[in-house]
N, C-alpha and C. Protein backbone atom coordinates (compact mmCIF):
# COMPACT_ATOMS: atom_id res chain seq x y z
N ASP A 1 -23.96 -11.77 -99.10
CA ASP A 1 -23.06 -10.74 -98.56
C ASP A 1 -23.52 -10.37 -97.15
N TYR A 2 -22.54 -10.17 -96.29
CA TYR A 2 -22.80 -9.74 -94.92
C TYR A 2 -22.59 -8.24 -94.76
N LYS A 3 -23.48 -7.62 -94.00
CA LYS A 3 -23.39 -6.19 -93.81
C LYS A 3 -22.27 -5.78 -92.82
N HIS A 4 -22.12 -6.63 -91.81
CA HIS A 4 -21.10 -6.38 -90.76
C HIS A 4 -20.23 -7.61 -90.60
N ILE A 5 -19.00 -7.43 -90.11
CA ILE A 5 -18.08 -8.53 -89.89
C ILE A 5 -17.55 -8.42 -88.43
N LYS A 6 -17.57 -9.59 -87.76
CA LYS A 6 -16.98 -9.63 -86.42
C LYS A 6 -15.76 -10.57 -86.50
N VAL A 7 -14.65 -10.12 -85.97
CA VAL A 7 -13.40 -10.86 -85.90
C VAL A 7 -13.01 -11.06 -84.43
N VAL A 8 -12.73 -12.31 -84.06
CA VAL A 8 -12.26 -12.64 -82.73
C VAL A 8 -10.85 -13.14 -82.84
N LEU A 9 -9.93 -12.47 -82.21
CA LEU A 9 -8.50 -12.92 -82.15
C LEU A 9 -8.21 -13.28 -80.71
N THR A 10 -7.65 -14.51 -80.50
CA THR A 10 -7.28 -14.93 -79.17
C THR A 10 -5.80 -15.33 -79.17
N ASN A 11 -5.23 -15.23 -77.96
CA ASN A 11 -3.82 -15.59 -77.73
C ASN A 11 -2.91 -14.78 -78.66
N ILE A 12 -3.19 -13.50 -78.80
CA ILE A 12 -2.36 -12.63 -79.64
C ILE A 12 -1.00 -12.39 -78.92
N LYS A 13 0.05 -12.66 -79.68
CA LYS A 13 1.39 -12.42 -79.17
C LYS A 13 2.26 -11.87 -80.26
N GLY A 14 3.23 -11.00 -79.86
CA GLY A 14 4.19 -10.53 -80.80
C GLY A 14 5.45 -11.35 -80.72
N SER A 15 6.30 -11.23 -81.71
CA SER A 15 7.53 -12.07 -81.76
C SER A 15 8.68 -11.49 -80.94
N SER A 16 8.68 -10.16 -80.77
CA SER A 16 9.80 -9.56 -79.95
C SER A 16 9.37 -8.18 -79.51
N GLY A 17 9.97 -7.73 -78.42
CA GLY A 17 9.68 -6.36 -77.95
C GLY A 17 8.27 -6.27 -77.44
N THR A 18 7.67 -5.07 -77.50
CA THR A 18 6.30 -4.85 -77.13
C THR A 18 5.62 -4.02 -78.24
N PRO A 19 5.33 -4.63 -79.37
CA PRO A 19 4.84 -3.88 -80.52
C PRO A 19 3.40 -3.34 -80.35
N SER A 20 3.06 -2.40 -81.14
CA SER A 20 1.67 -1.91 -81.18
C SER A 20 0.87 -2.69 -82.22
N LEU A 21 -0.41 -2.88 -81.97
CA LEU A 21 -1.33 -3.57 -82.88
C LEU A 21 -2.26 -2.56 -83.49
N SER A 22 -2.38 -2.58 -84.83
CA SER A 22 -3.17 -1.66 -85.58
C SER A 22 -3.97 -2.35 -86.70
N ILE A 23 -4.86 -1.62 -87.34
CA ILE A 23 -5.67 -2.11 -88.46
C ILE A 23 -5.51 -1.17 -89.62
N ARG A 24 -5.47 -1.72 -90.84
CA ARG A 24 -5.57 -0.96 -92.05
C ARG A 24 -6.58 -1.60 -93.00
N TYR A 25 -7.20 -0.82 -93.88
CA TYR A 25 -8.21 -1.28 -94.85
C TYR A 25 -7.67 -1.24 -96.28
N SER A 26 -8.25 -2.07 -97.14
CA SER A 26 -7.90 -2.10 -98.54
C SER A 26 -9.15 -2.03 -99.38
N THR A 27 -9.02 -1.46 -100.56
CA THR A 27 -10.15 -1.42 -101.54
C THR A 27 -9.87 -2.27 -102.77
N ASN A 28 -8.72 -2.99 -102.76
CA ASN A 28 -8.32 -3.77 -103.93
C ASN A 28 -7.99 -5.22 -103.59
N GLY A 29 -8.71 -5.78 -102.64
CA GLY A 29 -8.57 -7.17 -102.27
C GLY A 29 -7.30 -7.50 -101.51
N GLY A 30 -6.62 -6.52 -100.97
CA GLY A 30 -5.43 -6.70 -100.15
C GLY A 30 -4.13 -6.54 -100.92
N SER A 31 -4.21 -6.12 -102.17
CA SER A 31 -2.97 -5.86 -102.93
C SER A 31 -2.17 -4.72 -102.33
N SER A 32 -2.90 -3.73 -101.75
CA SER A 32 -2.29 -2.64 -101.05
C SER A 32 -3.27 -2.19 -99.96
N PHE A 33 -2.76 -1.50 -98.94
CA PHE A 33 -3.62 -1.05 -97.83
C PHE A 33 -3.37 0.43 -97.65
N ASN A 34 -4.44 1.15 -97.35
CA ASN A 34 -4.34 2.60 -97.14
C ASN A 34 -3.48 2.86 -95.93
N SER A 35 -2.35 3.57 -96.11
CA SER A 35 -1.35 3.75 -95.06
C SER A 35 -0.77 5.14 -94.98
N SER A 36 -1.47 6.11 -95.57
CA SER A 36 -0.99 7.50 -95.50
C SER A 36 -1.37 8.16 -94.19
N VAL A 37 -0.60 9.09 -93.69
CA VAL A 37 -0.99 9.84 -92.50
C VAL A 37 -2.26 10.63 -92.89
N GLY A 38 -3.27 10.53 -92.05
CA GLY A 38 -4.56 11.18 -92.33
C GLY A 38 -5.61 10.27 -92.89
N ASP A 39 -5.23 9.03 -93.18
CA ASP A 39 -6.24 8.04 -93.71
C ASP A 39 -7.24 7.59 -92.68
N TYR A 40 -6.90 7.66 -91.40
CA TYR A 40 -7.74 7.08 -90.34
C TYR A 40 -7.90 8.05 -89.14
N GLU A 41 -8.92 7.83 -88.39
CA GLU A 41 -9.13 8.43 -87.09
C GLU A 41 -9.40 7.27 -86.09
N PHE A 42 -8.95 7.45 -84.83
CA PHE A 42 -9.22 6.42 -83.80
C PHE A 42 -9.33 7.07 -82.45
N VAL A 43 -9.90 6.29 -81.52
CA VAL A 43 -9.94 6.67 -80.12
C VAL A 43 -9.77 5.36 -79.31
N ARG A 44 -9.07 5.44 -78.20
CA ARG A 44 -8.88 4.27 -77.31
C ARG A 44 -9.17 4.73 -75.89
N VAL A 45 -9.80 3.89 -75.08
CA VAL A 45 -10.04 4.12 -73.68
C VAL A 45 -9.49 2.83 -72.99
N TYR A 46 -8.62 3.04 -71.97
CA TYR A 46 -8.01 1.89 -71.38
C TYR A 46 -7.88 2.02 -69.87
N ALA A 47 -7.89 0.86 -69.21
CA ALA A 47 -7.75 0.78 -67.77
C ALA A 47 -6.80 -0.39 -67.41
N PHE A 48 -5.96 -0.15 -66.44
CA PHE A 48 -5.00 -1.16 -66.01
C PHE A 48 -5.15 -1.39 -64.50
N ASN A 49 -4.86 -2.59 -64.03
CA ASN A 49 -4.96 -2.84 -62.59
C ASN A 49 -3.86 -2.12 -61.78
N THR A 50 -2.98 -1.46 -62.48
CA THR A 50 -1.93 -0.70 -61.80
C THR A 50 -2.35 0.77 -61.57
N ASP A 51 -3.64 1.03 -61.56
CA ASP A 51 -4.21 2.35 -61.35
C ASP A 51 -3.88 3.32 -62.44
N ASN A 52 -3.52 2.88 -63.62
CA ASN A 52 -3.22 3.73 -64.71
C ASN A 52 -4.35 3.55 -65.71
N SER A 53 -5.00 4.63 -66.11
CA SER A 53 -6.03 4.59 -67.08
C SER A 53 -6.01 5.89 -67.93
N GLY A 54 -6.72 5.89 -69.04
CA GLY A 54 -6.74 7.06 -69.86
C GLY A 54 -7.36 6.89 -71.18
N THR A 55 -7.16 7.90 -72.03
CA THR A 55 -7.65 7.83 -73.41
C THR A 55 -6.61 8.42 -74.31
N ASP A 56 -6.67 8.06 -75.57
CA ASP A 56 -5.91 8.71 -76.59
C ASP A 56 -6.66 8.67 -77.92
N SER A 57 -6.39 9.60 -78.76
CA SER A 57 -7.11 9.62 -80.07
C SER A 57 -6.29 10.50 -81.02
N THR A 58 -6.63 10.35 -82.34
CA THR A 58 -6.04 11.19 -83.34
C THR A 58 -6.93 11.20 -84.58
N ASN A 59 -6.79 12.25 -85.36
CA ASN A 59 -7.46 12.29 -86.65
C ASN A 59 -6.51 12.33 -87.81
N LEU A 60 -5.26 12.08 -87.54
CA LEU A 60 -4.25 12.09 -88.62
C LEU A 60 -3.36 10.89 -88.49
N SER A 61 -3.94 9.68 -88.64
CA SER A 61 -3.16 8.46 -88.40
C SER A 61 -3.04 7.69 -89.71
N SER A 62 -1.97 6.85 -89.78
CA SER A 62 -1.81 5.96 -90.94
C SER A 62 -2.41 4.59 -90.68
N ALA A 63 -3.02 4.39 -89.54
CA ALA A 63 -3.67 3.15 -89.16
C ALA A 63 -4.59 3.39 -87.95
N ILE A 64 -5.48 2.47 -87.67
CA ILE A 64 -6.31 2.54 -86.47
C ILE A 64 -5.55 1.80 -85.38
N LEU A 65 -5.06 2.54 -84.35
CA LEU A 65 -4.32 1.97 -83.26
C LEU A 65 -5.25 1.22 -82.31
N LEU A 66 -4.98 -0.04 -82.06
CA LEU A 66 -5.81 -0.82 -81.12
C LEU A 66 -5.15 -0.89 -79.76
N GLU A 67 -3.84 -1.14 -79.73
CA GLU A 67 -3.14 -1.26 -78.45
C GLU A 67 -1.64 -1.10 -78.67
N GLU A 68 -1.00 -0.43 -77.72
CA GLU A 68 0.43 -0.30 -77.64
C GLU A 68 0.92 -1.34 -76.64
N GLY A 69 1.93 -2.17 -77.05
CA GLY A 69 2.50 -3.06 -76.10
C GLY A 69 1.87 -4.49 -76.07
N ILE A 70 1.80 -5.16 -77.24
CA ILE A 70 1.30 -6.50 -77.31
C ILE A 70 2.38 -7.39 -76.64
N PRO A 71 2.00 -8.25 -75.73
CA PRO A 71 2.98 -9.08 -75.01
C PRO A 71 3.60 -10.18 -75.88
N THR A 72 4.79 -10.59 -75.46
CA THR A 72 5.49 -11.64 -76.19
C THR A 72 5.81 -12.89 -75.29
N ALA A 73 5.72 -12.74 -73.97
CA ALA A 73 6.04 -13.84 -73.07
C ALA A 73 5.08 -14.99 -73.22
N ALA A 74 5.55 -16.19 -72.94
CA ALA A 74 4.79 -17.45 -73.21
C ALA A 74 3.43 -17.43 -72.50
N ALA A 75 3.36 -17.05 -71.25
CA ALA A 75 2.09 -17.14 -70.53
C ALA A 75 1.22 -15.87 -70.74
N SER A 76 1.77 -14.87 -71.32
CA SER A 76 1.05 -13.60 -71.57
C SER A 76 0.27 -13.70 -72.88
N GLY A 77 -0.55 -12.67 -73.10
CA GLY A 77 -1.26 -12.62 -74.36
C GLY A 77 -2.42 -11.66 -74.30
N ALA A 78 -3.10 -11.46 -75.45
CA ALA A 78 -4.19 -10.56 -75.53
C ALA A 78 -5.31 -11.23 -76.35
N ASP A 79 -6.55 -10.87 -76.06
CA ASP A 79 -7.72 -11.34 -76.80
C ASP A 79 -8.51 -10.12 -77.24
N LEU A 80 -9.04 -10.19 -78.49
CA LEU A 80 -9.69 -9.05 -79.07
C LEU A 80 -10.98 -9.48 -79.78
N VAL A 81 -12.04 -8.72 -79.58
CA VAL A 81 -13.25 -8.89 -80.37
C VAL A 81 -13.48 -7.59 -81.10
N MET A 82 -13.52 -7.61 -82.43
CA MET A 82 -13.58 -6.41 -83.27
C MET A 82 -14.77 -6.52 -84.23
N THR A 83 -15.60 -5.50 -84.30
CA THR A 83 -16.72 -5.51 -85.25
C THR A 83 -16.47 -4.37 -86.24
N PHE A 84 -16.65 -4.77 -87.56
CA PHE A 84 -16.51 -3.81 -88.68
C PHE A 84 -17.93 -3.56 -89.19
N TYR A 85 -18.37 -2.32 -89.17
CA TYR A 85 -19.76 -1.96 -89.55
C TYR A 85 -19.85 -1.53 -90.98
N ASP A 86 -20.88 -2.08 -91.66
CA ASP A 86 -21.20 -1.69 -93.02
C ASP A 86 -19.94 -1.59 -93.89
N TRP A 87 -19.19 -2.62 -93.90
CA TRP A 87 -17.82 -2.64 -94.42
C TRP A 87 -17.70 -2.48 -95.90
N GLN A 88 -18.77 -2.78 -96.67
CA GLN A 88 -18.73 -2.59 -98.12
C GLN A 88 -19.49 -1.42 -98.64
N ASN A 89 -19.89 -0.52 -97.79
CA ASN A 89 -20.70 0.65 -98.14
C ASN A 89 -19.76 1.69 -98.74
N SER A 90 -20.01 2.13 -99.97
CA SER A 90 -19.11 3.08 -100.61
C SER A 90 -19.52 4.55 -100.36
N THR A 91 -20.58 4.75 -99.60
CA THR A 91 -21.08 6.11 -99.39
C THR A 91 -20.86 6.62 -97.97
N SER A 92 -20.29 5.79 -97.11
CA SER A 92 -20.03 6.25 -95.74
C SER A 92 -18.73 5.71 -95.28
N TYR A 93 -18.15 6.29 -94.24
CA TYR A 93 -16.90 5.83 -93.63
C TYR A 93 -17.05 4.45 -93.05
N MET A 94 -16.10 3.56 -93.25
CA MET A 94 -16.16 2.26 -92.61
C MET A 94 -15.63 2.37 -91.15
N LYS A 95 -16.57 2.09 -90.24
CA LYS A 95 -16.27 2.21 -88.81
C LYS A 95 -16.00 0.83 -88.21
N CYS A 96 -15.21 0.83 -87.11
CA CYS A 96 -14.99 -0.39 -86.39
C CYS A 96 -14.91 -0.06 -84.88
N MET A 97 -15.21 -1.07 -84.08
CA MET A 97 -15.18 -0.94 -82.60
C MET A 97 -14.78 -2.28 -82.03
N GLY A 98 -13.96 -2.23 -81.00
CA GLY A 98 -13.53 -3.50 -80.39
C GLY A 98 -13.21 -3.36 -78.92
N GLU A 99 -13.06 -4.54 -78.29
CA GLU A 99 -12.67 -4.63 -76.92
C GLU A 99 -11.55 -5.67 -76.80
N MET A 100 -10.60 -5.38 -75.96
CA MET A 100 -9.42 -6.25 -75.80
C MET A 100 -9.16 -6.43 -74.28
N ILE A 101 -8.73 -7.65 -73.93
CA ILE A 101 -8.21 -7.89 -72.61
C ILE A 101 -6.80 -8.38 -72.84
N LYS A 102 -5.89 -7.85 -72.01
CA LYS A 102 -4.49 -8.17 -72.16
C LYS A 102 -3.95 -8.60 -70.78
N ALA A 103 -3.35 -9.81 -70.70
CA ALA A 103 -2.83 -10.32 -69.41
C ALA A 103 -1.32 -10.51 -69.54
N GLU A 104 -0.63 -9.98 -68.54
CA GLU A 104 0.81 -10.16 -68.41
C GLU A 104 1.07 -10.58 -66.99
N SER A 105 2.34 -10.94 -66.70
CA SER A 105 2.69 -11.49 -65.40
C SER A 105 2.29 -10.60 -64.23
N SER A 106 2.34 -9.29 -64.42
CA SER A 106 2.10 -8.40 -63.30
C SER A 106 0.95 -7.43 -63.54
N ALA A 107 0.23 -7.62 -64.63
CA ALA A 107 -0.83 -6.61 -64.96
C ALA A 107 -1.89 -7.21 -65.86
N ILE A 108 -3.08 -6.64 -65.70
CA ILE A 108 -4.21 -6.93 -66.64
C ILE A 108 -4.72 -5.65 -67.17
N SER A 109 -5.13 -5.61 -68.44
CA SER A 109 -5.53 -4.36 -69.09
C SER A 109 -6.84 -4.61 -69.82
N LEU A 110 -7.73 -3.66 -69.78
CA LEU A 110 -8.92 -3.64 -70.56
C LEU A 110 -8.89 -2.45 -71.48
N ILE A 111 -9.14 -2.66 -72.75
CA ILE A 111 -9.02 -1.60 -73.76
C ILE A 111 -10.28 -1.63 -74.61
N ARG A 112 -10.87 -0.46 -74.83
CA ARG A 112 -11.97 -0.30 -75.81
C ARG A 112 -11.46 0.63 -76.87
N CYS A 113 -11.59 0.28 -78.11
CA CYS A 113 -11.01 0.99 -79.20
C CYS A 113 -11.95 1.08 -80.41
N GLY A 114 -11.74 2.10 -81.19
CA GLY A 114 -12.62 2.23 -82.40
C GLY A 114 -12.02 3.29 -83.32
N GLY A 115 -12.51 3.27 -84.53
CA GLY A 115 -12.03 4.26 -85.52
C GLY A 115 -12.73 4.10 -86.83
N PHE A 116 -12.25 4.86 -87.80
CA PHE A 116 -12.83 4.74 -89.15
C PHE A 116 -11.78 5.26 -90.14
N ARG A 117 -11.99 4.83 -91.41
CA ARG A 117 -11.18 5.32 -92.50
C ARG A 117 -11.83 6.63 -93.00
N ARG A 118 -11.02 7.62 -93.31
CA ARG A 118 -11.54 8.93 -93.61
C ARG A 118 -11.87 9.15 -95.09
N ASN A 119 -12.11 8.04 -95.79
CA ASN A 119 -12.50 8.10 -97.17
C ASN A 119 -13.66 7.10 -97.38
N ALA A 120 -14.80 7.55 -97.92
CA ALA A 120 -15.93 6.72 -98.13
C ALA A 120 -15.77 5.90 -99.37
N GLN A 121 -15.27 4.65 -99.25
CA GLN A 121 -15.12 3.76 -100.32
C GLN A 121 -15.47 2.35 -99.84
N ALA A 122 -15.88 1.48 -100.70
CA ALA A 122 -16.18 0.08 -100.31
C ALA A 122 -14.81 -0.57 -100.04
N ASN A 123 -14.70 -1.16 -98.87
CA ASN A 123 -13.47 -1.85 -98.44
C ASN A 123 -13.70 -3.32 -98.60
N ASN A 124 -12.63 -4.11 -98.97
CA ASN A 124 -12.83 -5.53 -99.18
C ASN A 124 -11.71 -6.34 -98.57
N ALA A 125 -10.83 -5.75 -97.78
CA ALA A 125 -9.82 -6.44 -97.06
C ALA A 125 -9.41 -5.66 -95.80
N ILE A 126 -9.05 -6.39 -94.74
CA ILE A 126 -8.67 -5.79 -93.48
C ILE A 126 -7.33 -6.43 -93.06
N ARG A 127 -6.38 -5.65 -92.60
CA ARG A 127 -5.11 -6.20 -92.12
C ARG A 127 -4.87 -5.80 -90.67
N PHE A 128 -4.61 -6.81 -89.83
CA PHE A 128 -4.16 -6.53 -88.50
C PHE A 128 -2.63 -6.60 -88.56
N LEU A 129 -1.95 -5.59 -88.07
CA LEU A 129 -0.50 -5.56 -88.15
C LEU A 129 0.16 -5.06 -86.90
N LEU A 130 1.38 -5.56 -86.64
CA LEU A 130 2.21 -5.07 -85.52
C LEU A 130 3.18 -4.08 -86.04
N SER A 131 3.60 -3.18 -85.14
CA SER A 131 4.55 -2.17 -85.51
C SER A 131 5.94 -2.75 -85.78
N THR A 132 6.28 -3.85 -85.15
CA THR A 132 7.52 -4.57 -85.42
C THR A 132 7.28 -6.07 -85.22
N GLY A 133 8.10 -6.85 -85.91
CA GLY A 133 8.04 -8.30 -85.76
C GLY A 133 6.80 -8.96 -86.36
N THR A 134 6.55 -10.14 -85.97
CA THR A 134 5.34 -10.88 -86.50
C THR A 134 4.44 -11.21 -85.37
N MET A 135 3.18 -11.54 -85.74
CA MET A 135 2.11 -11.79 -84.78
C MET A 135 1.63 -13.22 -84.92
N THR A 136 1.32 -13.86 -83.81
CA THR A 136 0.60 -15.09 -83.82
C THR A 136 -0.70 -14.90 -83.09
N ALA A 137 -1.74 -15.63 -83.54
CA ALA A 137 -3.05 -15.55 -82.90
C ALA A 137 -3.94 -16.63 -83.45
N ASP A 138 -4.94 -17.04 -82.69
CA ASP A 138 -6.00 -17.86 -83.19
C ASP A 138 -7.11 -16.88 -83.61
N TYR A 139 -7.93 -17.28 -84.61
CA TYR A 139 -8.97 -16.33 -85.00
C TYR A 139 -10.22 -17.05 -85.47
N SER A 140 -11.33 -16.31 -85.36
CA SER A 140 -12.64 -16.70 -85.91
C SER A 140 -13.22 -15.49 -86.58
N VAL A 141 -13.95 -15.67 -87.70
CA VAL A 141 -14.60 -14.53 -88.38
C VAL A 141 -16.06 -14.88 -88.57
N TYR A 142 -16.93 -13.94 -88.28
CA TYR A 142 -18.38 -14.12 -88.37
C TYR A 142 -18.97 -13.04 -89.23
N GLY A 143 -19.90 -13.42 -90.09
CA GLY A 143 -20.70 -12.45 -90.86
C GLY A 143 -22.02 -12.16 -90.18
N ILE A 144 -22.41 -10.90 -90.20
CA ILE A 144 -23.66 -10.47 -89.60
C ILE A 144 -24.54 -9.81 -90.67
N LEU A 145 -25.76 -10.29 -90.84
CA LEU A 145 -26.63 -9.75 -91.87
C LEU A 145 -27.12 -8.37 -91.47
């Protein structure tokens, strides 16, 4: 068993529009995912080459928001490295932290994001999901002792 999990997603693209990318956790092998408002807390810090930067956070979310506006154009895309800490510990909140770079035709973005599930239970599945449409990406998963 690995104590921590690192997931690398590259060439992330949405199928249409500019959907948001989020994470949800499961305690039953992925049969269902915790999705009630108040299940998660998250924070994001972001910077864009268009001089726009900022932060956002919430403690009453139905998912951990990683990024709003995943690109769909052919040459555009996003890459994400996400670490899930102590993911099977049933006595503490499962925390995660990640970094993303997003490239589009007229902008580049750097995003640092993190959050946790507000219930201390052993988790055994993670879902990356878009707010609308489907996602394509290449991925690698690493276990850390």
